[in-house]
C-alpha atoms as a PDB file:
ATOM      1  CA  UNK A   1     -31.678  26.104   6.397  1.00  0.00           C
ATOM      2  CA  UNK A   2     -32.709  22.642   5.574  1.00  0.00           C
ATOM      3  CA  UNK A   3     -36.374  21.796   5.934  1.00  0.00           C
ATOM      4  CA  UNK A   4     -35.412  18.876   8.592  1.00  0.00           C
ATOM      5  CA  UNK A   5     -33.173  20.897  10.436  1.00  0.00           C
ATOM      6  CA  UNK A   6     -33.719  21.270  14.283  1.00  0.00           C
ATOM      7  CA  UNK A   7     -33.698  24.616  15.620  1.00  0.00           C
ATOM      8  CA  UNK A   8     -30.057  24.931  17.519  1.00  0.00           C
ATOM      9  CA  UNK A   9     -30.091  21.967  19.333  1.00  0.00           C
ATOM     10  CA  UNK A  10     -33.498  22.043  20.924  1.00  0.00           C
ATOM     11  CA  UNK A  11     -33.801  20.582  24.583  1.00  0.00           C
ATOM     12  CA  UNK A  12     -35.808  17.522  23.633  1.00  0.00           C
ATOM     13  CA  UNK A  13     -33.109  16.563  20.571  1.00  0.00           C
ATOM     14  CA  UNK A  14     -30.554  17.113  23.372  1.00  0.00           C
ATOM     15  CA  UNK A  15     -32.261  14.894  26.209  1.00  0.00           C
ATOM     16  CA  UNK A  16     -33.160  12.308  23.323  1.00  0.00           C
ATOM     17  CA  UNK A  17     -29.397  12.030  22.556  1.00  0.00           C
ATOM     18  CA  UNK A  18     -28.149  11.911  26.304  1.00  0.00           C
ATOM     19  CA  UNK A  19     -30.569   8.868  26.909  1.00  0.00           C
ATOM     20  CA  UNK A  20     -29.286   7.200  23.836  1.00  0.00           C
ATOM     21  CA  UNK A  21     -25.646   7.887  24.783  1.00  0.00           C
ATOM     22  CA  UNK A  22     -26.563   6.434  28.013  1.00  0.00           C
ATOM     23  CA  UNK A  23     -27.965   3.083  26.269  1.00  0.00           C
ATOM     24  CA  UNK A  24     -24.755   2.964  24.225  1.00  0.00           C
ATOM     25  CA  UNK A  25     -22.470   3.499  27.206  1.00  0.00           C
ATOM     26  CA  UNK A  26     -24.422   0.574  29.142  1.00  0.00           C
ATOM     27  CA  UNK A  27     -23.805  -1.733  26.204  1.00  0.00           C
ATOM     28  CA  UNK A  28     -20.108  -1.359  26.845  1.00  0.00           C
ATOM     29  CA  UNK A  29     -20.477  -2.832  30.095  1.00  0.00           C
ATOM     30  CA  UNK A  30     -22.150  -5.708  28.768  1.00  0.00           C
ATOM     31  CA  UNK A  31     -20.077  -9.147  28.646  1.00  0.00           C
ATOM     32  CA  UNK A  32     -20.162  -9.543  24.976  1.00  0.00           C
ATOM     33  CA  UNK A  33     -17.674 -12.591  25.283  1.00  0.00           C
ATOM     34  CA  UNK A  34     -19.257 -14.396  28.085  1.00  0.00           C
ATOM     35  CA  UNK A  35     -22.595 -13.866  26.393  1.00  0.00           C
ATOM     36  CA  UNK A  36     -21.274 -15.408  22.971  1.00  0.00           C
ATOM     37  CA  UNK A  37     -19.878 -18.395  25.039  1.00  0.00           C
ATOM     38  CA  UNK A  38     -22.999 -18.900  26.922  1.00  0.00           C
ATOM     39  CA  UNK A  39     -25.051 -18.788  23.491  1.00  0.00           C
ATOM     40  CA  UNK A  40     -27.359 -15.916  24.990  1.00  0.00           C
ATOM     41  CA  UNK A  41     -30.038 -15.006  22.602  1.00  0.00           C
ATOM     42  CA  UNK A  42     -32.711 -12.340  22.510  1.00  0.00           C
ATOM     43  CA  UNK A  43     -32.997  -9.463  24.724  1.00  0.00           C
ATOM     44  CA  UNK A  44     -33.591 -11.073  28.119  1.00  0.00           C
ATOM     45  CA  UNK A  45     -32.484  -9.429  31.416  1.00  0.00           C
ATOM     46  CA  UNK A  46     -28.754  -9.706  31.727  1.00  0.00           C
ATOM     47  CA  UNK A  47     -26.709  -7.986  34.669  1.00  0.00           C
ATOM     48  CA  UNK A  48     -23.994  -5.849  33.423  1.00  0.00           C
ATOM     49  CA  UNK A  49     -20.540  -5.296  34.860  1.00  0.00           C
ATOM     50  CA  UNK A  50     -20.792  -2.640  37.042  1.00  0.00           C
ATOM     51  CA  UNK A  51     -19.919   0.669  36.457  1.00  0.00           C
ATOM     52  CA  UNK A  52     -19.720   2.354  39.809  1.00  0.00           C
ATOM     53  CA  UNK A  53     -19.214   6.224  39.970  1.00  0.00           C
ATOM     54  CA  UNK A  54     -19.582   8.880  43.139  1.00  0.00           C
ATOM     55  CA  UNK A  55     -22.818  11.297  42.943  1.00  0.00           C
ATOM     56  CA  UNK A  56     -23.388  14.290  44.550  1.00  0.00           C
ATOM     57  CA  UNK A  57     -27.313  14.210  44.192  1.00  0.00           C
ATOM     58  CA  UNK A  58     -28.946  15.406  47.385  1.00  0.00           C
ATOM     59  CA  UNK A  59     -31.540  12.957  47.300  1.00  0.00           C
ATOM     60  CA  UNK A  60     -29.457   9.942  46.684  1.00  0.00           C
ATOM     61  CA  UNK A  61     -26.960  11.560  49.594  1.00  0.00           C
ATOM     62  CA  UNK A  62     -30.323  11.652  51.765  1.00  0.00           C
ATOM     63  CA  UNK A  63     -31.270   8.068  51.154  1.00  0.00           C
ATOM     64  CA  UNK A  64     -27.722   6.911  52.205  1.00  0.00           C
ATOM     65  CA  UNK A  65     -26.344   6.314  48.602  1.00  0.00           C
ATOM     66  CA  UNK A  66     -23.322   8.092  47.658  1.00  0.00           C
ATOM     67  CA  UNK A  67     -22.378   6.108  44.657  1.00  0.00           C
ATOM     68  CA  UNK A  68     -24.392   4.890  41.534  1.00  0.00           C
ATOM     69  CA  UNK A  69     -24.031   1.787  39.238  1.00  0.00           C
ATOM     70  CA  UNK A  70     -24.292   3.781  35.757  1.00  0.00           C
ATOM     71  CA  UNK A  71     -24.536   0.779  33.869  1.00  0.00           C
ATOM     72  CA  UNK A  72     -27.627  -0.984  36.031  1.00  0.00           C
ATOM     73  CA  UNK A  73     -29.394   2.357  36.147  1.00  0.00           C
ATOM     74  CA  UNK A  74     -32.098   3.342  33.622  1.00  0.00           C
ATOM     75  CA  UNK A  75     -31.703   7.167  32.101  1.00  0.00           C
ATOM     76  CA  UNK A  76     -35.030   8.039  34.237  1.00  0.00           C
ATOM     77  CA  UNK A  77     -33.647   6.592  37.528  1.00  0.00           C
ATOM     78  CA  UNK A  78     -30.027   8.216  37.290  1.00  0.00           C
ATOM     79  CA  UNK A  79     -28.976  10.910  39.961  1.00  0.00           C
ATOM     80  CA  UNK A  80     -29.127  14.270  38.819  1.00  0.00           C
ATOM     81  CA  UNK A  81     -25.464  15.199  38.487  1.00  0.00           C
ATOM     82  CA  UNK A  82     -25.134  12.143  36.232  1.00  0.00           C
ATOM     83  CA  UNK A  83     -27.758  13.000  34.053  1.00  0.00           C
ATOM     84  CA  UNK A  84     -26.469  16.446  33.698  1.00  0.00           C
ATOM     85  CA  UNK A  85     -22.968  14.922  32.609  1.00  0.00           C
ATOM     86  CA  UNK A  86     -24.710  13.141  29.761  1.00  0.00           C
ATOM     87  CA  UNK A  87     -26.742  16.212  28.694  1.00  0.00           C
ATOM     88  CA  UNK A  88     -23.370  18.112  28.489  1.00  0.00           C
ATOM     89  CA  UNK A  89     -21.836  15.813  26.011  1.00  0.00           C
ATOM     90  CA  UNK A  90     -25.244  15.429  24.293  1.00  0.00           C
ATOM     91  CA  UNK A  91     -25.722  19.047  23.943  1.00  0.00           C
ATOM     92  CA  UNK A  92     -22.117  19.394  22.393  1.00  0.00           C
ATOM     93  CA  UNK A  93     -22.890  16.562  19.949  1.00  0.00           C
ATOM     94  CA  UNK A  94     -26.280  17.803  19.016  1.00  0.00           C
ATOM     95  CA  UNK A  95     -25.154  21.229  18.293  1.00  0.00           C
ATOM     96  CA  UNK A  96     -22.279  20.044  16.100  1.00  0.00           C
ATOM     97  CA  UNK A  97     -24.723  17.856  14.192  1.00  0.00           C
ATOM     98  CA  UNK A  98     -27.426  20.852  13.886  1.00  0.00           C
ATOM     99  CA  UNK A  99     -24.688  23.325  12.604  1.00  0.00           C
ATOM    100  CA  UNK A 100     -23.576  20.859   9.823  1.00  0.00           C
ATOM    101  CA  UNK A 101     -27.418  20.101   8.828  1.00  0.00           C
ATOM    102  CA  UNK A 102     -28.011  23.918   8.586  1.00  0.00           C
ATOM    103  CA  UNK A 103     -24.855  24.306   6.650  1.00  0.00           C
ATOM    104  CA  UNK A 104     -26.444  22.089   3.981  1.00  0.00           C
ATOM    105  CA  UNK A 105     -25.078  18.684   4.542  1.00  0.00           C
ATOM    106  CA  UNK A 106     -27.149  15.547   5.193  1.00  0.00           C
ATOM    107  CA  UNK A 107     -27.316  13.053   8.120  1.00  0.00           C
ATOM    108  CA  UNK A 108     -26.026  10.533   5.500  1.00  0.00           C
ATOM    109  CA  UNK A 109     -22.968  12.446   4.716  1.00  0.00           C
ATOM    110  CA  UNK A 110     -22.189  13.173   8.279  1.00  0.00           C
ATOM    111  CA  UNK A 111     -22.460   9.300   9.088  1.00  0.00           C
ATOM    112  CA  UNK A 112     -19.776   8.589   6.376  1.00  0.00           C
ATOM    113  CA  UNK A 113     -17.629  11.294   7.339  1.00  0.00           C
ATOM    114  CA  UNK A 114     -14.902  10.213   9.785  1.00  0.00           C
ATOM    115  CA  UNK A 115     -12.945  13.350   9.851  1.00  0.00           C
ATOM    116  CA  UNK A 116     -16.427  15.000  10.972  1.00  0.00           C
ATOM    117  CA  UNK A 117     -17.199  12.294  13.482  1.00  0.00           C
ATOM    118  CA  UNK A 118     -13.322  12.606  14.855  1.00  0.00           C
ATOM    119  CA  UNK A 119     -13.864  16.386  15.320  1.00  0.00           C
ATOM    120  CA  UNK A 120     -17.265  16.000  17.007  1.00  0.00           C
ATOM    121  CA  UNK A 121     -15.495  13.414  19.085  1.00  0.00           C
ATOM    122  CA  UNK A 122     -13.159  15.995  20.351  1.00  0.00           C
ATOM    123  CA  UNK A 123     -15.693  18.049  21.769  1.00  0.00           C
ATOM    124  CA  UNK A 124     -17.097  14.810  23.691  1.00  0.00           C
ATOM    125  CA  UNK A 125     -13.769  13.767  25.561  1.00  0.00           C
ATOM    126  CA  UNK A 126     -14.511  13.772  29.391  1.00  0.00           C
ATOM    127  CA  UNK A 127     -12.493  12.152  32.093  1.00  0.00           C
ATOM    128  CA  UNK A 128     -15.314   9.868  33.229  1.00  0.00           C
ATOM    129  CA  UNK A 129     -16.100   8.828  29.570  1.00  0.00           C
ATOM    130  CA  UNK A 130     -12.810   6.476  29.536  1.00  0.00           C
ATOM    131  CA  UNK A 131     -14.116   3.403  28.418  1.00  0.00           C
ATOM    132  CA  UNK A 132     -11.988  -0.271  28.370  1.00  0.00           C
ATOM    133  CA  UNK A 133     -14.108  -1.294  25.305  1.00  0.00           C
ATOM    134  CA  UNK A 134     -16.348  -0.268  22.724  1.00  0.00           C
ATOM    135  CA  UNK A 135     -18.992  -2.877  21.200  1.00  0.00           C
ATOM    136  CA  UNK A 136     -18.894  -2.254  17.319  1.00  0.00           C
ATOM    137  CA  UNK A 137     -20.553  -4.371  14.870  1.00  0.00           C
ATOM    138  CA  UNK A 138     -20.651  -7.046  17.563  1.00  0.00           C
ATOM    139  CA  UNK A 139     -16.750  -6.962  17.793  1.00  0.00           C
ATOM    140  CA  UNK A 140     -14.993  -5.745  21.006  1.00  0.00           C
ATOM    141  CA  UNK A 141     -12.663  -2.342  19.750  1.00  0.00           C
ATOM    142  CA  UNK A 142     -10.204  -0.287  21.893  1.00  0.00           C
ATOM    143  CA  UNK A 143      -8.204   2.437  21.173  1.00  0.00           C
ATOM    144  CA  UNK A 144      -7.992   6.329  21.632  1.00  0.00           C
ATOM    145  CA  UNK A 145     -11.030   8.195  20.622  1.00  0.00           C
ATOM    146  CA  UNK A 146     -13.322   5.102  19.506  1.00  0.00           C
ATOM    147  CA  UNK A 147     -15.801   5.951  22.113  1.00  0.00           C
ATOM    148  CA  UNK A 148     -15.861   9.476  21.229  1.00  0.00           C
ATOM    149  CA  UNK A 149     -16.500   8.616  17.550  1.00  0.00           C
ATOM    150  CA  UNK A 150     -19.027   6.288  18.230  1.00  0.00           C
ATOM    151  CA  UNK A 151     -21.260   8.410  20.332  1.00  0.00           C
ATOM    152  CA  UNK A 152     -20.892  11.233  17.571  1.00  0.00           C
ATOM    153  CA  UNK A 153     -22.181   8.685  15.127  1.00  0.00           C
ATOM    154  CA  UNK A 154     -24.862   8.034  17.640  1.00  0.00           C
ATOM    155  CA  UNK A 155     -26.044  11.689  17.550  1.00  0.00           C
ATOM    156  CA  UNK A 156     -26.207  11.523  13.695  1.00  0.00           C
ATOM    157  CA  UNK A 157     -28.444   8.745  14.120  1.00  0.00           C
ATOM    158  CA  UNK A 158     -30.631  10.101  16.626  1.00  0.00           C
ATOM    159  CA  UNK A 159     -30.914  13.423  14.430  1.00  0.00           C
ATOM    160  CA  UNK A 160     -31.686  11.128  11.556  1.00  0.00           C
ATOM    161  CA  UNK A 161     -34.571   9.230  13.475  1.00  0.00           C
ATOM    162  CA  UNK A 162     -36.152  12.349  14.749  1.00  0.00           C
ATOM    163  CA  UNK A 163     -36.312  14.062  10.975  1.00  0.00           C
ATOM    164  CA  UNK A 164     -37.866  10.672  10.038  1.00  0.00           C
ATOM    165  CA  UNK A 165     -40.735  11.617  12.742  1.00  0.00           C
ATOM    166  CA  UNK A 166     -39.382   9.482  15.601  1.00  0.00           C
ATOM    167  CA  UNK A 167     -39.415  11.862  18.334  1.00  0.00           C
ATOM    168  CA  UNK A 168     -40.202  10.219  21.489  1.00  0.00           C
ATOM    169  CA  UNK A 169     -37.310   9.113  23.964  1.00  0.00           C
ATOM    170  CA  UNK A 170     -38.967   5.489  23.365  1.00  0.00           C
ATOM    171  CA  UNK A 171     -37.989   2.610  25.836  1.00  0.00           C
ATOM    172  CA  UNK A 172     -34.541   1.621  26.967  1.00  0.00           C
ATOM    173  CA  UNK A 173     -34.204  -1.945  26.222  1.00  0.00           C
ATOM    174  CA  UNK A 174     -32.238  -4.376  28.466  1.00  0.00           C
ATOM    175  CA  UNK A 175     -29.354  -5.834  26.919  1.00  0.00           C
ATOM    176  CA  UNK A 176     -27.907  -6.501  24.270  1.00  0.00           C
ATOM    177  CA  UNK A 177     -29.275  -3.346  22.799  1.00  0.00           C
ATOM    178  CA  UNK A 178     -29.221  -2.205  19.001  1.00  0.00           C
ATOM    179  CA  UNK A 179     -25.810  -1.338  17.981  1.00  0.00           C
ATOM    180  CA  UNK A 180     -26.311   2.255  17.461  1.00  0.00           C
ATOM    181  CA  UNK A 181     -22.497   2.613  16.683  1.00  0.00           C
ATOM    182  CA  UNK A 182     -22.810   1.248  13.113  1.00  0.00           C
ATOM    183  CA  UNK A 183     -23.870   3.065   9.928  1.00  0.00           C
ATOM    184  CA  UNK A 184     -26.403   0.898   9.572  1.00  0.00           C
ATOM    185  CA  UNK A 185     -28.853  -1.058  12.495  1.00  0.00           C
ATOM    186  CA  UNK A 186     -29.548  -4.320  11.134  1.00  0.00           C
ATOM    187  CA  UNK A 187     -32.593  -5.761  12.926  1.00  0.00           C
ATOM    188  CA  UNK A 188     -33.686  -9.259  12.249  1.00  0.00           C
ATOM    189  CA  UNK A 189     -37.557  -8.786  12.020  1.00  0.00           C
ATOM    190  CA  UNK A 190     -38.553 -12.242  10.803  1.00  0.00           C
ATOM    191  CA  UNK A 191     -39.699 -13.263  14.170  1.00  0.00           C
ATOM    192  CA  UNK A 192     -38.318 -16.727  13.415  1.00  0.00           C
ATOM    193  CA  UNK A 193     -36.742 -16.833  16.910  1.00  0.00           C
ATOM    194  CA  UNK A 194     -39.502 -15.668  18.761  1.00  0.00           C
ATOM    195  CA  UNK A 195     -42.013 -18.292  20.668  1.00  0.00           C
ATOM    196  CA  UNK A 196     -45.644 -18.540  19.629  1.00  0.00           C
ATOM    197  CA  UNK A 197     -48.589 -20.433  19.386  1.00  0.00           C
ATOM    198  CA  UNK A 198     -52.426 -20.200  18.690  1.00  0.00           C
ATOM    199  CA  UNK A 199     -55.565 -21.065  20.385  1.00  0.00           C
ATOM    200  CA  UNK A 200     -59.320 -21.138  19.085  1.00  0.00           C
ATOM    201  CA  UNK A 201     -61.819 -20.575  21.809  1.00  0.00           C
ATOM    202  CA  UNK A 202     -65.429 -20.219  22.335  1.00  0.00           C
ATOM    203  CA  UNK A 203     -67.103 -18.936  25.283  1.00  0.00           C
ATOM    204  CA  UNK A 204     -70.684 -18.011  26.276  1.00  0.00           C
ATOM    205  CA  UNK A 205     -72.942 -18.293  29.362  1.00  0.00           C
ATOM    206  CA  UNK A 206     -75.314 -21.042  27.440  1.00  0.00           C
ATOM    207  CA  UNK A 207     -72.178 -22.977  26.177  1.00  0.00           C
ATOM    208  CA  UNK A 208     -72.169 -26.627  26.739  1.00  0.00           C
ATOM    209  CA  UNK A 209     -68.228 -27.604  25.825  1.00  0.00           C
ATOM    210  CA  UNK A 210     -69.485 -31.242  25.762  1.00  0.00           C
ATOM    211  CA  UNK A 211     -71.896 -30.330  22.855  1.00  0.00           C
ATOM    212  CA  UNK A 212     -68.899 -28.597  20.919  1.00  0.00           C
ATOM    213  CA  UNK A 213     -66.800 -31.816  21.528  1.00  0.00           C
ATOM    214  CA  UNK A 214     -69.602 -34.007  20.086  1.00  0.00           C
ATOM    215  CA  UNK A 215     -70.062 -31.443  17.200  1.00  0.00           C
ATOM    216  CA  UNK A 216     -66.429 -31.441  16.154  1.00  0.00           C
ATOM    217  CA  UNK A 217     -65.314 -34.775  17.065  1.00  0.00           C
ATOM    218  CA  UNK A 218     -62.083 -33.080  18.481  1.00  0.00           C
ATOM    219  CA  UNK A 219     -60.703 -33.271  22.147  1.00  0.00           C
ATOM    220  CA  UNK A 220     -60.417 -29.632  23.434  1.00  0.00           C
ATOM    221  CA  UNK A 221     -57.524 -28.590  25.367  1.00  0.00           C
ATOM    222  CA  UNK A 222     -59.380 -26.397  27.505  1.00  0.00           C
ATOM    223  CA  UNK A 223     -63.083 -26.969  28.646  1.00  0.00           C
ATOM    224  CA  UNK A 224     -65.353 -26.072  31.216  1.00  0.00           C
ATOM    225  CA  UNK A 225     -69.090 -25.280  32.015  1.00  0.00           C
ATOM    226  CA  UNK A 226     -70.506 -22.448  33.691  1.00  0.00           C
ATOM    227  CA  UNK A 227     -70.910 -22.867  36.963  1.00  0.00           C
ATOM    228  CA  UNK A 228     -67.630 -24.962  37.551  1.00  0.00           C
ATOM    229  CA  UNK A 229     -64.857 -23.936  39.821  1.00  0.00           C
ATOM    230  CA  UNK A 230     -61.605 -23.218  37.903  1.00  0.00           C
ATOM    231  CA  UNK A 231     -58.442 -24.814  38.880  1.00  0.00           C
ATOM    232  CA  UNK A 232     -54.817 -23.783  39.248  1.00  0.00           C
ATOM    233  CA  UNK A 233     -52.791 -26.078  37.126  1.00  0.00           C
ATOM    234  CA  UNK A 234     -49.773 -25.663  39.003  1.00  0.00           C
ATOM    235  CA  UNK A 235     -50.830 -26.551  42.549  1.00  0.00           C
ATOM    236  CA  UNK A 236     -54.503 -28.152  41.866  1.00  0.00           C
ATOM    237  CA  UNK A 237     -56.422 -25.616  43.746  1.00  0.00           C
ATOM    238  CA  UNK A 238     -59.721 -24.371  43.011  1.00  0.00           C
ATOM    239  CA  UNK A 239     -60.069 -20.710  43.173  1.00  0.00           C
ATOM    240  CA  UNK A 240     -62.867 -19.380  41.032  1.00  0.00           C
ATOM    241  CA  UNK A 241     -66.182 -20.087  39.773  1.00  0.00           C
ATOM    242  CA  UNK A 242     -66.657 -19.616  35.795  1.00  0.00           C
ATOM    243  CA  UNK A 243     -69.067 -17.504  34.729  1.00  0.00           C
ATOM    244  CA  UNK A 244     -69.109 -18.851  31.365  1.00  0.00           C
ATOM    245  CA  UNK A 245     -68.696 -22.006  29.533  1.00  0.00           C
ATOM    246  CA  UNK A 246     -65.551 -22.515  27.247  1.00  0.00           C
ATOM    247  CA  UNK A 247     -64.250 -24.900  24.876  1.00  0.00           C
ATOM    248  CA  UNK A 248     -60.890 -24.374  22.824  1.00  0.00           C
ATOM    249  CA  UNK A 249     -58.203 -26.152  21.102  1.00  0.00           C
ATOM    250  CA  UNK A 250     -54.476 -24.852  20.625  1.00  0.00           C
ATOM    251  CA  UNK A 251     -51.349 -25.527  18.633  1.00  0.00           C
ATOM    252  CA  UNK A 252     -49.209 -25.605  21.367  1.00  0.00           C
ATOM    253  CA  UNK A 253     -47.345 -28.822  21.438  1.00  0.00           C
ATOM    254  CA  UNK A 254     -48.329 -29.936  18.340  1.00  0.00           C
ATOM    255  CA  UNK A 255     -46.627 -27.175  16.220  1.00  0.00           C
ATOM    256  CA  UNK A 256     -43.187 -25.950  16.844  1.00  0.00           C
ATOM    257  CA  UNK A 257     -43.472 -22.770  18.965  1.00  0.00           C
ATOM    258  CA  UNK A 258     -39.840 -21.690  17.518  1.00  0.00           C
ATOM    259  CA  UNK A 259     -39.158 -21.448  13.678  1.00  0.00           C
ATOM    260  CA  UNK A 260     -42.703 -21.808  12.542  1.00  0.00           C
ATOM    261  CA  UNK A 261     -44.546 -18.475  11.960  1.00  0.00           C
ATOM    262  CA  UNK A 262     -47.770 -17.245  13.414  1.00  0.00           C
ATOM    263  CA  UNK A 263     -49.795 -18.166   9.783  1.00  0.00           C
ATOM    264  CA  UNK A 264     -48.544 -21.782  10.068  1.00  0.00           C
ATOM    265  CA  UNK A 265     -49.947 -22.290  13.660  1.00  0.00           C
ATOM    266  CA  UNK A 266     -53.293 -20.602  12.619  1.00  0.00           C
ATOM    267  CA  UNK A 267     -53.582 -22.852   9.474  1.00  0.00           C
ATOM    268  CA  UNK A 268     -53.117 -25.821  11.615  1.00  0.00           C
ATOM    269  CA  UNK A 269     -56.145 -24.798  13.903  1.00  0.00           C
ATOM    270  CA  UNK A 270     -58.610 -23.719  10.730  1.00  0.00           C
ATOM    271  CA  UNK A 271     -57.629 -27.317   9.208  1.00  0.00           C
ATOM    272  CA  UNK A 272     -58.875 -29.058  12.107  1.00  0.00           C
ATOM    273  CA  UNK A 273     -61.964 -27.060  12.246  1.00  0.00           C
ATOM    274  CA  UNK A 274     -62.810 -26.584   8.318  1.00  0.00           C
ATOM    275  CA  UNK A 275     -65.225 -29.217   7.949  1.00  0.00           C
ATOM    276  CA  UNK A 276     -67.276 -27.909  10.859  1.00  0.00           C
ATOM    277  CA  UNK A 277     -67.232 -24.522   9.628  1.00  0.00           C
ATOM    278  CA  UNK A 278     -70.626 -24.127   8.796  1.00  0.00           C
ATOM    279  CA  UNK A 279     -71.978 -25.941  12.172  1.00  0.00           C
ATOM    280  CA  UNK A 280     -69.768 -23.934  14.306  1.00  0.00           C
ATOM    281  CA  UNK A 281     -70.614 -20.847  12.728  1.00  0.00           C
ATOM    282  CA  UNK A 282     -74.418 -21.182  13.103  1.00  0.00           C
ATOM    283  CA  UNK A 283     -74.054 -22.331  17.025  1.00  0.00           C
ATOM    284  CA  UNK A 284     -71.877 -19.190  17.428  1.00  0.00           C
ATOM    285  CA  UNK A 285     -74.324 -16.883  15.727  1.00  0.00           C
ATOM    286  CA  UNK A 286     -77.609 -18.522  17.465  1.00  0.00           C
ATOM    287  CA  UNK A 287     -76.166 -18.551  20.956  1.00  0.00           C
ATOM    288  CA  UNK A 288     -74.218 -15.235  20.759  1.00  0.00           C
ATOM    289  CA  UNK A 289     -70.918 -16.925  21.752  1.00  0.00           C
ATOM    290  CA  UNK A 290     -67.509 -15.102  21.835  1.00  0.00           C
ATOM    291  CA  UNK A 291     -64.903 -16.858  19.505  1.00  0.00           C
ATOM    292  CA  UNK A 292     -61.406 -15.831  18.989  1.00  0.00           C
ATOM    293  CA  UNK A 293     -58.349 -17.031  17.689  1.00  0.00           C
ATOM    294  CA  UNK A 294     -55.888 -15.748  20.454  1.00  0.00           C
ATOM    295  CA  UNK A 295     -52.048 -15.703  19.530  1.00  0.00           C
ATOM    296  CA  UNK A 296     -49.774 -15.804  22.530  1.00  0.00           C
ATOM    297  CA  UNK A 297     -46.307 -14.424  21.235  1.00  0.00           C
ATOM    298  CA  UNK A 298     -43.219 -14.161  23.121  1.00  0.00           C
ATOM    299  CA  UNK A 299     -40.960 -11.752  21.617  1.00  0.00           C
ATOM    300  CA  UNK A 300     -37.316 -12.379  21.995  1.00  0.00           C
ATOM    301  CA  UNK A 301     -35.947 -10.101  18.989  1.00  0.00           C
ATOM    302  CA  UNK A 302     -35.386  -6.421  19.501  1.00  0.00           C
ATOM    303  CA  UNK A 303     -38.253  -5.773  16.652  1.00  0.00           C
ATOM    304  CA  UNK A 304     -40.509  -8.548  15.077  1.00  0.00           C
ATOM    305  CA  UNK A 305     -43.246  -8.759  12.638  1.00  0.00           C
ATOM    306  CA  UNK A 306     -45.602 -11.363  11.518  1.00  0.00           C
ATOM    307  CA  UNK A 307     -48.125 -11.435   8.450  1.00  0.00           C
ATOM    308  CA  UNK A 308     -51.254 -13.264   8.171  1.00  0.00           C
ATOM    309  CA  UNK A 309     -52.700 -13.693   4.513  1.00  0.00           C
ATOM    310  CA  UNK A 310     -55.930 -12.671   3.377  1.00  0.00           C
ATOM    311  CA  UNK A 311     -56.849 -16.313   2.797  1.00  0.00           C
ATOM    312  CA  UNK A 312     -56.338 -17.139   6.437  1.00  0.00           C
ATOM    313  CA  UNK A 313     -58.243 -14.176   7.520  1.00  0.00           C
ATOM    314  CA  UNK A 314     -60.932 -15.129   5.429  1.00  0.00           C
ATOM    315  CA  UNK A 315     -61.337 -18.329   7.188  1.00  0.00           C
ATOM    316  CA  UNK A 316     -61.184 -16.509  10.310  1.00  0.00           C
ATOM    317  CA  UNK A 317     -64.204 -14.628   9.335  1.00  0.00           C
ATOM    318  CA  UNK A 318     -66.237 -17.493   8.420  1.00  0.00           C
ATOM    319  CA  UNK A 319     -66.332 -18.690  12.080  1.00  0.00           C
ATOM    320  CA  UNK A 320     -67.327 -15.203  12.961  1.00  0.00           C
ATOM    321  CA  UNK A 321     -64.074 -15.134  15.267  1.00  0.00           C
ATOM    322  CA  UNK A 322     -62.000 -12.286  16.462  1.00  0.00           C
ATOM    323  CA  UNK A 323     -58.212 -12.364  16.163  1.00  0.00           C
ATOM    324  CA  UNK A 324     -56.111 -11.457  19.414  1.00  0.00           C
ATOM    325  CA  UNK A 325     -52.441 -11.073  19.435  1.00  0.00           C
ATOM    326  CA  UNK A 326     -51.145 -11.104  23.316  1.00  0.00           C
ATOM    327  CA  UNK A 327     -47.482 -10.046  22.922  1.00  0.00           C
ATOM    328  CA  UNK A 328     -44.994 -10.655  25.934  1.00  0.00           C
ATOM    329  CA  UNK A 329     -41.691  -8.858  26.032  1.00  0.00           C
ATOM    330  CA  UNK A 330     -39.153 -11.073  28.347  1.00  0.00           C
ATOM    331  CA  UNK A 331     -37.790  -7.666  29.496  1.00  0.00           C
ATOM    332  CA  UNK A 332     -41.225  -6.659  30.485  1.00  0.00           C
ATOM    333  CA  UNK A 333     -41.378  -9.961  32.589  1.00  0.00           C
ATOM    334  CA  UNK A 334     -37.933  -9.661  34.221  1.00  0.00           C
ATOM    335  CA  UNK A 335     -39.020  -5.604  35.181  1.00  0.00           C
ATOM    336  CA  UNK A 336     -41.909  -6.813  36.893  1.00  0.00           C
ATOM    337  CA  UNK A 337     -40.509  -8.916  39.166  1.00  0.00           C
END
């Protein structure tokens, strides 16, 4: 038996395949043509084309619901009978993959073997699975067996991901999701389309922001003394007494938030502070102030990454400052509403 093989389609493997199947099925209800025409980018929330089906789940019926929109319902929220349907085809697909792996084949071989995928696809045929279209590599594809083959390949990918150590269900993103129907999932991780900025802030009970303005000759973007009321910028109303003084500068509005890297934003601030590094460092140490470089990062790509060079980290360290990355996902913001 291969070292990476699952013991005969374990229940957690089956559930992961089922949840991923649901994600792929939902993607087929995404209005790809409309999104392209509208220039939609990123993974912000998009209402999917409805996929309405009846349900016999007692809990749903008791709540007065006899139908479910499968496309616009998350895996964890699906009625029991629809979860069972997806678990049924996931079990068939996972078992086929496990049997092939135990016979000595690799996930890469299975992914490239169209005959194997067709045979597995035949085991996945269900009347309710009939789909008008399947999104493959950013294109809409129609035809007999296309849906089943796409799901068979997805089962192979899930197995390969588990073999690589990714065993959890993970989060099911809003759309457009990654295209799991492809042999290779290409993800742009450069972060160039993400929105980001950087700010340097110093805070402390004994901090007088006017002194920092005089020391650096820089006009702060934020500034207040201890005991001042905090103002809501949107309403103009005061609502809280500041417990500590604060002084800070930001790259927001001075460096492009999209297209430029986190490194560029940090260097913009450091270049303004450079000639004052020694005096600032001494003041921060003497008054036990908190200094921080804060990066608000609005992630628009499915997967993003950024790098900060050793030289930039050294310059941050000279100011006795911490580095904080505050990451926001557009999908998270929509779900909270």
